[in-house]
All heavy atoms as atom14 arrays in JSON, in Angstrom:
{
  "sequence": "PLIVLHETYPGHHLQRLQANLASSRLRQLSTNNCYVEGWAMYCEEMMW",
  "atom14_mask": [
    [1, 1, 1, 1, 1, 1, 1, 0, 0, 0, 0, 0, 0, 0],
    [1, 1, 1, 1, 1, 1, 1, 1, 0, 0, 0, 0, 0, 0],
    [1, 1, 1, 1, 1, 1, 1, 1, 0, 0, 0, 0, 0, 0],
    [1, 1, 1, 1, 1, 1, 1, 0, 0, 0, 0, 0, 0, 0],
    [1, 1, 1, 1, 1, 1, 1, 1, 0, 0, 0, 0, 0, 0],
    [1, 1, 1, 1, 1, 1, 1, 1, 1, 1, 0, 0, 0, 0],
    [1, 1, 1, 1, 1, 1, 1, 1, 1, 0, 0, 0, 0, 0],
    [1, 1, 1, 1, 1, 1, 1, 0, 0, 0, 0, 0, 0, 0],
    [1, 1, 1, 1, 1, 1, 1, 1, 1, 1, 1, 1, 0, 0],
    [1, 1, 1, 1, 1, 1, 1, 0, 0, 0, 0, 0, 0, 0],
    [1, 1, 1, 1, 0, 0, 0, 0, 0, 0, 0, 0, 0, 0],
    [1, 1, 1, 1, 1, 1, 1, 1, 1, 1, 0, 0, 0, 0],
    [1, 1, 1, 1, 1, 1, 1, 1, 1, 1, 0, 0, 0, 0],
    [1, 1, 1, 1, 1, 1, 1, 1, 0, 0, 0, 0, 0, 0],
    [1, 1, 1, 1, 1, 1, 1, 1, 1, 0, 0, 0, 0, 0],
    [1, 1, 1, 1, 1, 1, 1, 1, 1, 1, 1, 0, 0, 0],
    [1, 1, 1, 1, 1, 1, 1, 1, 0, 0, 0, 0, 0, 0],
    [1, 1, 1, 1, 1, 1, 1, 1, 1, 0, 0, 0, 0, 0],
    [1, 1, 1, 1, 1, 0, 0, 0, 0, 0, 0, 0, 0, 0],
    [1, 1, 1, 1, 1, 1, 1, 1, 0, 0, 0, 0, 0, 0],
    [1, 1, 1, 1, 1, 1, 1, 1, 0, 0, 0, 0, 0, 0],
    [1, 1, 1, 1, 1, 0, 0, 0, 0, 0, 0, 0, 0, 0],
    [1, 1, 1, 1, 1, 1, 0, 0, 0, 0, 0, 0, 0, 0],
    [1, 1, 1, 1, 1, 1, 0, 0, 0, 0, 0, 0, 0, 0],
    [1, 1, 1, 1, 1, 1, 1, 1, 1, 1, 1, 0, 0, 0],
    [1, 1, 1, 1, 1, 1, 1, 1, 0, 0, 0, 0, 0, 0],
    [1, 1, 1, 1, 1, 1, 1, 1, 1, 1, 1, 0, 0, 0],
    [1, 1, 1, 1, 1, 1, 1, 1, 1, 0, 0, 0, 0, 0],
    [1, 1, 1, 1, 1, 1, 1, 1, 0, 0, 0, 0, 0, 0],
    [1, 1, 1, 1, 1, 1, 0, 0, 0, 0, 0, 0, 0, 0],
    [1, 1, 1, 1, 1, 1, 1, 0, 0, 0, 0, 0, 0, 0],
    [1, 1, 1, 1, 1, 1, 1, 1, 0, 0, 0, 0, 0, 0],
    [1, 1, 1, 1, 1, 1, 1, 1, 0, 0, 0, 0, 0, 0],
    [1, 1, 1, 1, 1, 1, 0, 0, 0, 0, 0, 0, 0, 0],
    [1, 1, 1, 1, 1, 1, 1, 1, 1, 1, 1, 1, 0, 0],
    [1, 1, 1, 1, 1, 1, 1, 0, 0, 0, 0, 0, 0, 0],
    [1, 1, 1, 1, 1, 1, 1, 1, 1, 0, 0, 0, 0, 0],
    [1, 1, 1, 1, 0, 0, 0, 0, 0, 0, 0, 0, 0, 0],
    [1, 1, 1, 1, 1, 1, 1, 1, 1, 1, 1, 1, 1, 1],
    [1, 1, 1, 1, 1, 0, 0, 0, 0, 0, 0, 0, 0, 0],
    [1, 1, 1, 1, 1, 1, 1, 1, 0, 0, 0, 0, 0, 0],
    [1, 1, 1, 1, 1, 1, 1, 1, 1, 1, 1, 1, 0, 0],
    [1, 1, 1, 1, 1, 1, 0, 0, 0, 0, 0, 0, 0, 0],
    [1, 1, 1, 1, 1, 1, 1, 1, 1, 0, 0, 0, 0, 0],
    [1, 1, 1, 1, 1, 1, 1, 1, 1, 0, 0, 0, 0, 0],
    [1, 1, 1, 1, 1, 1, 1, 1, 0, 0, 0, 0, 0, 0],
    [1, 1, 1, 1, 1, 1, 1, 1, 0, 0, 0, 0, 0, 0],
    [1, 1, 1, 1, 1, 1, 1, 1, 1, 1, 1, 1, 1, 1]
  ],
  "atom14_positions": [
    [[3.67, 9.12, 15.48], [2.26, 8.71, 15.46], [1.75, 8.39, 14.06], [0.95, 7.46, 13.87], [1.52, 9.92, 16.05], [2.54, 10.62, 16.88], [3.83, 10.43, 16.15], [0.0, 0.0, 0.0], [0.0, 0.0, 0.0], [0.0, 0.0, 0.0], [0.0, 0.0, 0.0], [0.0, 0.0, 0.0], [0.0, 0.0, 0.0], [0.0, 0.0, 0.0]],
    [[2.22, 9.12, 13.08], [1.8, 8.9, 11.69], [2.31, 7.57, 11.18], [1.58, 6.79, 10.55], [2.33, 10.05, 10.83], [1.72, 10.23, 9.45], [0.24, 10.54, 9.54], [2.45, 11.36, 8.72], [0.0, 0.0, 0.0], [0.0, 0.0, 0.0], [0.0, 0.0, 0.0], [0.0, 0.0, 0.0], [0.0, 0.0, 0.0], [0.0, 0.0, 0.0]],
    [[3.59, 7.28, 11.44], [4.17, 6.0, 11.02], [3.45, 4.85, 11.7], [3.11, 3.85, 11.06], [5.68, 5.97, 11.33], [6.43, 7.03, 10.53], [6.26, 4.58, 11.07], [7.89, 7.18, 10.89], [0.0, 0.0, 0.0], [0.0, 0.0, 0.0], [0.0, 0.0, 0.0], [0.0, 0.0, 0.0], [0.0, 0.0, 0.0], [0.0, 0.0, 0.0]],
    [[3.19, 5.0, 13.0], [2.57, 3.92, 13.77], [1.16, 3.62, 13.27], [0.8, 2.46, 13.03], [2.56, 4.26, 15.27], [1.61, 3.35, 16.03], [3.97, 4.14, 15.83], [0.0, 0.0, 0.0], [0.0, 0.0, 0.0], [0.0, 0.0, 0.0], [0.0, 0.0, 0.0], [0.0, 0.0, 0.0], [0.0, 0.0, 0.0], [0.0, 0.0, 0.0]],
    [[0.33, 4.62, 13.1], [-1.05, 4.34, 12.67], [-1.07, 3.78, 11.26], [-1.93, 2.95, 10.93], [-1.92, 5.59, 12.81], [-1.79, 6.7, 11.77], [-2.72, 6.47, 10.58], [-2.1, 8.07, 12.39], [0.0, 0.0, 0.0], [0.0, 0.0, 0.0], [0.0, 0.0, 0.0], [0.0, 0.0, 0.0], [0.0, 0.0, 0.0], [0.0, 0.0, 0.0]],
    [[-0.15, 4.21, 10.42], [-0.05, 3.69, 9.05], [0.33, 2.21, 9.06], [-0.26, 1.39, 8.34], [0.98, 4.51, 8.27], [1.15, 4.11, 6.85], [0.7, 4.89, 5.79], [1.73, 3.02, 6.28], [0.98, 4.27, 4.64], [1.61, 3.15, 4.91], [0.0, 0.0, 0.0], [0.0, 0.0, 0.0], [0.0, 0.0, 0.0], [0.0, 0.0, 0.0]],
    [[1.31, 1.85, 9.89], [1.84, 0.5, 9.86], [1.08, -0.48, 10.75], [1.1, -1.68, 10.49], [3.32, 0.5, 10.29], [4.25, 1.36, 9.44], [4.48, 0.81, 8.05], [4.15, -0.37, 7.8], [5.0, 1.56, 7.2], [0.0, 0.0, 0.0], [0.0, 0.0, 0.0], [0.0, 0.0, 0.0], [0.0, 0.0, 0.0], [0.0, 0.0, 0.0]],
    [[0.41, 0.02, 11.8], [-0.15, -0.9, 12.79], [-1.67, -0.76, 12.92], [-2.42, -1.45, 12.26], [0.55, -0.73, 14.15], [0.28, 0.55, 14.72], [2.06, -0.9, 14.02], [0.0, 0.0, 0.0], [0.0, 0.0, 0.0], [0.0, 0.0, 0.0], [0.0, 0.0, 0.0], [0.0, 0.0, 0.0], [0.0, 0.0, 0.0], [0.0, 0.0, 0.0]],
    [[-2.14, 0.13, 13.78], [-3.57, 0.3, 14.04], [-3.99, 1.73, 13.69], [-3.39, 2.67, 14.19], [-3.88, 0.07, 15.53], [-3.45, -1.25, 16.07], [-2.27, -1.37, 16.8], [-4.23, -2.4, 15.86], [-1.87, -2.6, 17.31], [-3.83, -3.62, 16.37], [-2.66, -3.72, 17.09], [-2.27, -4.94, 17.6], [0.0, 0.0, 0.0], [0.0, 0.0, 0.0]],
    [[-4.95, 1.89, 12.82], [-5.77, 0.89, 12.12], [-5.26, 0.58, 10.72], [-6.04, 0.16, 9.86], [-7.13, 1.59, 12.05], [-6.77, 3.04, 11.86], [-5.5, 3.26, 12.64], [0.0, 0.0, 0.0], [0.0, 0.0, 0.0], [0.0, 0.0, 0.0], [0.0, 0.0, 0.0], [0.0, 0.0, 0.0], [0.0, 0.0, 0.0], [0.0, 0.0, 0.0]],
    [[-3.95, 0.76, 10.5], [-3.37, 0.59, 9.17], [-3.08, -0.84, 8.8], [-3.93, -1.71, 8.88], [0.0, 0.0, 0.0], [0.0, 0.0, 0.0], [0.0, 0.0, 0.0], [0.0, 0.0, 0.0], [0.0, 0.0, 0.0], [0.0, 0.0, 0.0], [0.0, 0.0, 0.0], [0.0, 0.0, 0.0], [0.0, 0.0, 0.0], [0.0, 0.0, 0.0]],
    [[-1.82, -1.09, 8.4], [-1.48, -2.38, 7.8], [-1.79, -3.57, 8.7], [-2.33, -4.58, 8.23], [0.0, -2.41, 7.42], [0.36, -1.5, 6.3], [-0.49, -1.22, 5.26], [1.51, -0.81, 6.04], [0.11, -0.39, 4.42], [1.31, -0.12, 4.87], [0.0, 0.0, 0.0], [0.0, 0.0, 0.0], [0.0, 0.0, 0.0], [0.0, 0.0, 0.0]],
    [[-1.42, -3.5, 9.98], [-1.58, -4.68, 10.84], [-3.05, -5.06, 10.98], [-3.43, -6.22, 10.8], [-0.96, -4.42, 12.21], [-1.02, -5.59, 13.14], [-0.55, -6.84, 12.8], [-1.53, -5.72, 14.41], [-0.75, -7.68, 13.82], [-1.35, -7.03, 14.78], [0.0, 0.0, 0.0], [0.0, 0.0, 0.0], [0.0, 0.0, 0.0], [0.0, 0.0, 0.0]],
    [[-3.89, -4.08, 11.29], [-5.31, -4.39, 11.44], [-5.89, -4.91, 10.12], [-6.65, -5.89, 10.11], [-6.06, -3.14, 11.91], [-7.53, -3.35, 12.31], [-7.92, -2.37, 13.42], [-8.48, -3.18, 11.12], [0.0, 0.0, 0.0], [0.0, 0.0, 0.0], [0.0, 0.0, 0.0], [0.0, 0.0, 0.0], [0.0, 0.0, 0.0], [0.0, 0.0, 0.0]],
    [[-5.54, -4.26, 9.03], [-6.09, -4.68, 7.72], [-5.64, -6.08, 7.34], [-6.42, -6.89, 6.85], [-5.69, -3.67, 6.64], [-6.32, -3.94, 5.29], [-5.38, -4.67, 4.34], [-4.21, -4.35, 4.25], [-5.9, -5.64, 3.61], [0.0, 0.0, 0.0], [0.0, 0.0, 0.0], [0.0, 0.0, 0.0], [0.0, 0.0, 0.0], [0.0, 0.0, 0.0]],
    [[-4.36, -6.4, 7.59], [-3.87, -7.73, 7.22], [-4.44, -8.81, 8.12], [-4.7, -9.93, 7.67], [-2.34, -7.76, 7.24], [-1.71, -7.01, 6.08], [-2.12, -7.56, 4.72], [-1.74, -8.95, 4.56], [-0.57, -9.37, 4.07], [0.33, -8.47, 3.7], [-0.31, -10.64, 3.95], [0.0, 0.0, 0.0], [0.0, 0.0, 0.0], [0.0, 0.0, 0.0]],
    [[-4.65, -8.51, 9.39], [-5.32, -9.49, 10.26], [-6.71, -9.8, 9.73], [-7.14, -10.95, 9.72], [-5.4, -8.95, 11.69], [-4.12, -8.88, 12.5], [-4.39, -8.24, 13.87], [-3.48, -10.25, 12.68], [0.0, 0.0, 0.0], [0.0, 0.0, 0.0], [0.0, 0.0, 0.0], [0.0, 0.0, 0.0], [0.0, 0.0, 0.0], [0.0, 0.0, 0.0]],
    [[-7.4, -8.77, 9.28], [-8.75, -8.98, 8.72], [-8.67, -9.75, 7.41], [-9.46, -10.67, 7.15], [-9.43, -7.63, 8.51], [-10.91, -7.72, 8.2], [-11.72, -8.28, 9.37], [-11.53, -7.85, 10.5], [-12.6, -9.22, 9.1], [0.0, 0.0, 0.0], [0.0, 0.0, 0.0], [0.0, 0.0, 0.0], [0.0, 0.0, 0.0], [0.0, 0.0, 0.0]],
    [[-7.71, -9.38, 6.55], [-7.56, -10.06, 5.26], [-7.21, -11.53, 5.43], [-7.61, -12.38, 4.62], [-6.49, -9.36, 4.43], [0.0, 0.0, 0.0], [0.0, 0.0, 0.0], [0.0, 0.0, 0.0], [0.0, 0.0, 0.0], [0.0, 0.0, 0.0], [0.0, 0.0, 0.0], [0.0, 0.0, 0.0], [0.0, 0.0, 0.0], [0.0, 0.0, 0.0]],
    [[-6.47, -11.85, 6.49], [-6.11, -13.25, 6.74], [-7.3, -14.12, 7.1], [-7.19, -15.35, 7.12], [-5.05, -13.34, 7.86], [-3.68, -12.91, 7.37], [-3.47, -12.64, 6.2], [-2.73, -12.84, 8.29], [0.0, 0.0, 0.0], [0.0, 0.0, 0.0], [0.0, 0.0, 0.0], [0.0, 0.0, 0.0], [0.0, 0.0, 0.0], [0.0, 0.0, 0.0]],
    [[-8.45, -13.49, 7.38], [-9.68, -14.23, 7.66], [-10.53, -14.42, 6.41], [-11.69, -14.84, 6.51], [-10.51, -13.48, 8.73], [-9.82, -13.25, 10.07], [-10.69, -12.34, 10.95], [-9.55, -14.58, 10.78], [0.0, 0.0, 0.0], [0.0, 0.0, 0.0], [0.0, 0.0, 0.0], [0.0, 0.0, 0.0], [0.0, 0.0, 0.0], [0.0, 0.0, 0.0]],
    [[-9.99, -14.12, 5.25], [-10.75, -14.19, 3.99], [-11.34, -15.59, 3.78], [-10.87, -16.58, 4.35], [-9.87, -13.81, 2.81], [0.0, 0.0, 0.0], [0.0, 0.0, 0.0], [0.0, 0.0, 0.0], [0.0, 0.0, 0.0], [0.0, 0.0, 0.0], [0.0, 0.0, 0.0], [0.0, 0.0, 0.0], [0.0, 0.0, 0.0], [0.0, 0.0, 0.0]],
    [[-12.33, -15.65, 2.92], [-13.16, -16.85, 2.8], [-12.55, -17.98, 2.0], [-13.1, -19.07, 1.96], [-14.51, -16.47, 2.18], [-14.31, -15.86, 0.9], [0.0, 0.0, 0.0], [0.0, 0.0, 0.0], [0.0, 0.0, 0.0], [0.0, 0.0, 0.0], [0.0, 0.0, 0.0], [0.0, 0.0, 0.0], [0.0, 0.0, 0.0], [0.0, 0.0, 0.0]],
    [[-11.44, -17.74, 1.32], [-10.8, -18.82, 0.56], [-9.29, -18.7, 0.66], [-8.76, -17.61, 0.92], [-11.22, -18.76, -0.92], [-10.66, -17.63, -1.57], [0.0, 0.0, 0.0], [0.0, 0.0, 0.0], [0.0, 0.0, 0.0], [0.0, 0.0, 0.0], [0.0, 0.0, 0.0], [0.0, 0.0, 0.0], [0.0, 0.0, 0.0], [0.0, 0.0, 0.0]],
    [[-8.6, -19.82, 0.46], [-7.13, -19.79, 0.52], [-6.57, -18.92, -0.59], [-5.52, -18.29, -0.43], [-6.57, -21.21, 0.43], [-6.93, -22.08, 1.62], [-5.82, -23.03, 1.99], [-5.39, -23.88, 0.89], [-4.26, -24.59, 0.91], [-3.45, -24.54, 1.96], [-3.93, -25.36, -0.11], [0.0, 0.0, 0.0], [0.0, 0.0, 0.0], [0.0, 0.0, 0.0]],
    [[-7.25, -18.88, -1.73], [-6.8, -18.03, -2.82], [-6.8, -16.57, -2.38], [-5.83, -15.84, -2.61], [-7.71, -18.21, -4.04], [-7.43, -17.28, -5.23], [-6.05, -17.53, -5.8], [-8.51, -17.42, -6.29], [0.0, 0.0, 0.0], [0.0, 0.0, 0.0], [0.0, 0.0, 0.0], [0.0, 0.0, 0.0], [0.0, 0.0, 0.0], [0.0, 0.0, 0.0]],
    [[-7.87, -16.14, -1.75], [-7.94, -14.75, -1.29], [-6.94, -14.5, -0.17], [-6.37, -13.41, -0.08], [-9.35, -14.42, -0.82], [-10.38, -14.45, -1.93], [-11.71, -13.88, -1.45], [-12.76, -14.09, -2.45], [-13.93, -13.46, -2.44], [-14.19, -12.58, -1.5], [-14.83, -13.72, -3.37], [0.0, 0.0, 0.0], [0.0, 0.0, 0.0], [0.0, 0.0, 0.0]],
    [[-6.75, -15.47, 0.7], [-5.77, -15.29, 1.78], [-4.36, -15.15, 1.23], [-3.54, -14.41, 1.78], [-5.84, -16.49, 2.74], [-7.1, -16.52, 3.59], [-7.18, -17.78, 4.42], [-7.08, -18.89, 3.89], [-7.37, -17.63, 5.71], [0.0, 0.0, 0.0], [0.0, 0.0, 0.0], [0.0, 0.0, 0.0], [0.0, 0.0, 0.0], [0.0, 0.0, 0.0]],
    [[-4.07, -15.86, 0.14], [-2.73, -15.8, -0.46], [-2.49, -14.49, -1.19], [-1.36, -14.04, -1.32], [-2.56, -16.98, -1.43], [-1.21, -17.13, -2.13], [-0.15, -17.57, -1.13], [-1.29, -18.12, -3.28], [0.0, 0.0, 0.0], [0.0, 0.0, 0.0], [0.0, 0.0, 0.0], [0.0, 0.0, 0.0], [0.0, 0.0, 0.0], [0.0, 0.0, 0.0]],
    [[-3.56, -13.88, -1.66], [-3.44, -12.73, -2.56], [-3.41, -11.42, -1.8], [-4.05, -11.27, -0.76], [-4.61, -12.73, -3.55], [-4.67, -13.94, -4.27], [0.0, 0.0, 0.0], [0.0, 0.0, 0.0], [0.0, 0.0, 0.0], [0.0, 0.0, 0.0], [0.0, 0.0, 0.0], [0.0, 0.0, 0.0], [0.0, 0.0, 0.0], [0.0, 0.0, 0.0]],
    [[-2.69, -10.48, -2.34], [-2.67, -9.13, -1.79], [-2.44, -8.16, -2.93], [-2.06, -8.56, -4.03], [-1.56, -8.97, -0.72], [-1.68, -7.69, -0.11], [-0.17, -9.12, -1.33], [0.0, 0.0, 0.0], [0.0, 0.0, 0.0], [0.0, 0.0, 0.0], [0.0, 0.0, 0.0], [0.0, 0.0, 0.0], [0.0, 0.0, 0.0], [0.0, 0.0, 0.0]],
    [[-2.72, -6.88, -2.69], [-2.53, -5.88, -3.74], [-2.11, -4.58, -3.09], [-2.81, -4.04, -2.23], [-3.83, -5.68, -4.53], [-3.62, -4.74, -5.7], [-3.56, -3.53, -5.51], [-3.48, -5.29, -6.89], [0.0, 0.0, 0.0], [0.0, 0.0, 0.0], [0.0, 0.0, 0.0], [0.0, 0.0, 0.0], [0.0, 0.0, 0.0], [0.0, 0.0, 0.0]],
    [[-0.95, -4.08, -3.49], [-0.38, -2.9, -2.83], [-1.23, -1.65, -3.02], [-1.2, -0.75, -2.18], [1.04, -2.65, -3.32], [2.03, -3.59, -2.66], [1.75, -4.14, -1.61], [3.18, -3.77, -3.27], [0.0, 0.0, 0.0], [0.0, 0.0, 0.0], [0.0, 0.0, 0.0], [0.0, 0.0, 0.0], [0.0, 0.0, 0.0], [0.0, 0.0, 0.0]],
    [[-1.96, -1.56, -4.14], [-2.82, -0.39, -4.32], [-3.84, -0.32, -3.19], [-4.12, 0.75, -2.64], [-3.53, -0.46, -5.67], [-2.45, -0.16, -7.07], [0.0, 0.0, 0.0], [0.0, 0.0, 0.0], [0.0, 0.0, 0.0], [0.0, 0.0, 0.0], [0.0, 0.0, 0.0], [0.0, 0.0, 0.0], [0.0, 0.0, 0.0], [0.0, 0.0, 0.0]],
    [[-4.42, -1.48, -2.84], [-5.4, -1.49, -1.76], [-4.71, -1.35, -0.4], [-5.14, -0.57, 0.45], [-6.25, -2.76, -1.77], [-7.25, -2.73, -0.64], [-8.42, -1.98, -0.75], [-6.97, -3.35, 0.57], [-9.29, -1.89, 0.3], [-7.85, -3.26, 1.64], [-9.02, -2.53, 1.5], [-9.87, -2.43, 2.54], [0.0, 0.0, 0.0], [0.0, 0.0, 0.0]],
    [[-3.65, -2.13, -0.2], [-2.98, -2.14, 1.1], [-2.5, -0.73, 1.47], [-2.76, -0.24, 2.58], [-1.8, -3.13, 1.09], [-0.94, -2.97, 2.32], [-2.32, -4.57, 0.99], [0.0, 0.0, 0.0], [0.0, 0.0, 0.0], [0.0, 0.0, 0.0], [0.0, 0.0, 0.0], [0.0, 0.0, 0.0], [0.0, 0.0, 0.0], [0.0, 0.0, 0.0]],
    [[-1.81, -0.07, 0.55], [-1.32, 1.27, 0.84], [-2.45, 2.29, 0.82], [-2.43, 3.27, 1.57], [-0.21, 1.66, -0.15], [1.04, 0.82, -0.06], [1.69, 0.85, 1.33], [1.51, 1.86, 2.06], [2.35, -0.12, 1.69], [0.0, 0.0, 0.0], [0.0, 0.0, 0.0], [0.0, 0.0, 0.0], [0.0, 0.0, 0.0], [0.0, 0.0, 0.0]],
    [[-3.43, 2.07, -0.04], [-4.58, 2.97, -0.08], [-5.31, 2.99, 1.25], [-5.72, 4.05, 1.75], [0.0, 0.0, 0.0], [0.0, 0.0, 0.0], [0.0, 0.0, 0.0], [0.0, 0.0, 0.0], [0.0, 0.0, 0.0], [0.0, 0.0, 0.0], [0.0, 0.0, 0.0], [0.0, 0.0, 0.0], [0.0, 0.0, 0.0], [0.0, 0.0, 0.0]],
    [[-5.48, 1.8, 1.84], [-6.13, 1.71, 3.15], [-5.33, 2.49, 4.2], [-5.9, 3.27, 4.97], [-6.27, 0.25, 3.58], [-6.68, 0.1, 5.01], [-5.85, -0.16, 6.07], [-7.99, 0.26, 5.56], [-6.57, -0.19, 7.25], [-7.9, 0.06, 6.97], [-9.24, 0.53, 5.01], [-8.99, 0.14, 7.81], [-10.34, 0.6, 5.86], [-10.21, 0.41, 7.24]],
    [[-4.02, 2.28, 4.23], [-3.21, 2.94, 5.25], [-3.21, 4.46, 5.07], [-3.23, 5.21, 6.05], [-1.78, 2.39, 5.21], [0.0, 0.0, 0.0], [0.0, 0.0, 0.0], [0.0, 0.0, 0.0], [0.0, 0.0, 0.0], [0.0, 0.0, 0.0], [0.0, 0.0, 0.0], [0.0, 0.0, 0.0], [0.0, 0.0, 0.0], [0.0, 0.0, 0.0]],
    [[-3.2, 4.92, 3.8], [-3.26, 6.36, 3.57], [-4.62, 6.93, 3.99], [-4.71, 8.02, 4.54], [-2.99, 6.66, 2.09], [-1.59, 6.28, 1.62], [-0.29, 7.23, 2.44], [-0.53, 8.83, 1.71], [0.0, 0.0, 0.0], [0.0, 0.0, 0.0], [0.0, 0.0, 0.0], [0.0, 0.0, 0.0], [0.0, 0.0, 0.0], [0.0, 0.0, 0.0]],
    [[-5.67, 6.18, 3.69], [-7.0, 6.58, 4.15], [-7.02, 6.7, 5.68], [-7.6, 7.64, 6.24], [-8.06, 5.58, 3.68], [-9.33, 5.61, 4.49], [-10.24, 6.65, 4.35], [-9.59, 4.61, 5.43], [-11.4, 6.69, 5.12], [-10.74, 4.65, 6.21], [-11.64, 5.69, 6.06], [-12.77, 5.72, 6.83], [0.0, 0.0, 0.0], [0.0, 0.0, 0.0]],
    [[-6.39, 5.73, 6.36], [-6.37, 5.74, 7.83], [-5.68, 6.99, 8.36], [-6.08, 7.53, 9.41], [-5.68, 4.49, 8.35], [-6.67, 2.99, 8.19], [0.0, 0.0, 0.0], [0.0, 0.0, 0.0], [0.0, 0.0, 0.0], [0.0, 0.0, 0.0], [0.0, 0.0, 0.0], [0.0, 0.0, 0.0], [0.0, 0.0, 0.0], [0.0, 0.0, 0.0]],
    [[-4.65, 7.46, 7.67], [-3.97, 8.67, 8.12], [-4.95, 9.85, 8.17], [-5.0, 10.6, 9.15], [-2.8, 9.01, 7.2], [-1.65, 8.01, 7.27], [-0.49, 8.41, 6.38], [-0.46, 9.59, 5.95], [0.38, 7.56, 6.12], [0.0, 0.0, 0.0], [0.0, 0.0, 0.0], [0.0, 0.0, 0.0], [0.0, 0.0, 0.0], [0.0, 0.0, 0.0]],
    [[-5.73, 10.01, 7.11], [-6.68, 11.11, 7.05], [-7.83, 10.91, 8.05], [-8.25, 11.84, 8.75], [-7.24, 11.24, 5.64], [-8.18, 12.43, 5.42], [-7.47, 13.77, 5.44], [-6.22, 13.8, 5.4], [-8.17, 14.8, 5.47], [0.0, 0.0, 0.0], [0.0, 0.0, 0.0], [0.0, 0.0, 0.0], [0.0, 0.0, 0.0], [0.0, 0.0, 0.0]],
    [[-8.3, 9.67, 8.13], [-9.4, 9.37, 9.04], [-9.01, 9.6, 10.5], [-9.8, 10.14, 11.29], [-9.87, 7.93, 8.82], [-11.02, 7.48, 9.7], [-10.45, 6.72, 11.24], [-9.71, 5.22, 10.62], [0.0, 0.0, 0.0], [0.0, 0.0, 0.0], [0.0, 0.0, 0.0], [0.0, 0.0, 0.0], [0.0, 0.0, 0.0], [0.0, 0.0, 0.0]],
    [[-7.8, 9.2, 10.86], [-7.35, 9.39, 12.25], [-7.15, 10.87, 12.58], [-7.3, 11.29, 13.72], [-6.1, 8.57, 12.52], [-6.34, 7.06, 12.54], [-7.2, 6.48, 14.02], [-5.8, 6.21, 15.12], [0.0, 0.0, 0.0], [0.0, 0.0, 0.0], [0.0, 0.0, 0.0], [0.0, 0.0, 0.0], [0.0, 0.0, 0.0], [0.0, 0.0, 0.0]],
    [[-6.78, 11.65, 11.57], [-6.74, 13.11, 11.77], [-8.15, 13.62, 12.07], [-8.37, 14.37, 13.02], [-6.17, 13.78, 10.53], [-6.61, 15.2, 10.31], [-7.46, 15.67, 9.36], [-6.19, 16.36, 11.06], [-7.62, 17.03, 9.47], [-6.84, 17.48, 10.5], [-5.34, 16.55, 12.14], [-6.68, 18.77, 10.98], [-5.16, 17.83, 12.63], [-5.82, 18.93, 12.05]]
  ]
}
């Protein structure tokens, strides 16, 4: 369950689907692991 929520819902998959809707192609192309992993780690605590 921990791996799944981190990688899928509401972790990486949900976040990347939202990021892919960004307002410019520059933002859509860009990513940052500090945020991406930070979000997924936050989701682990939040889902607990």
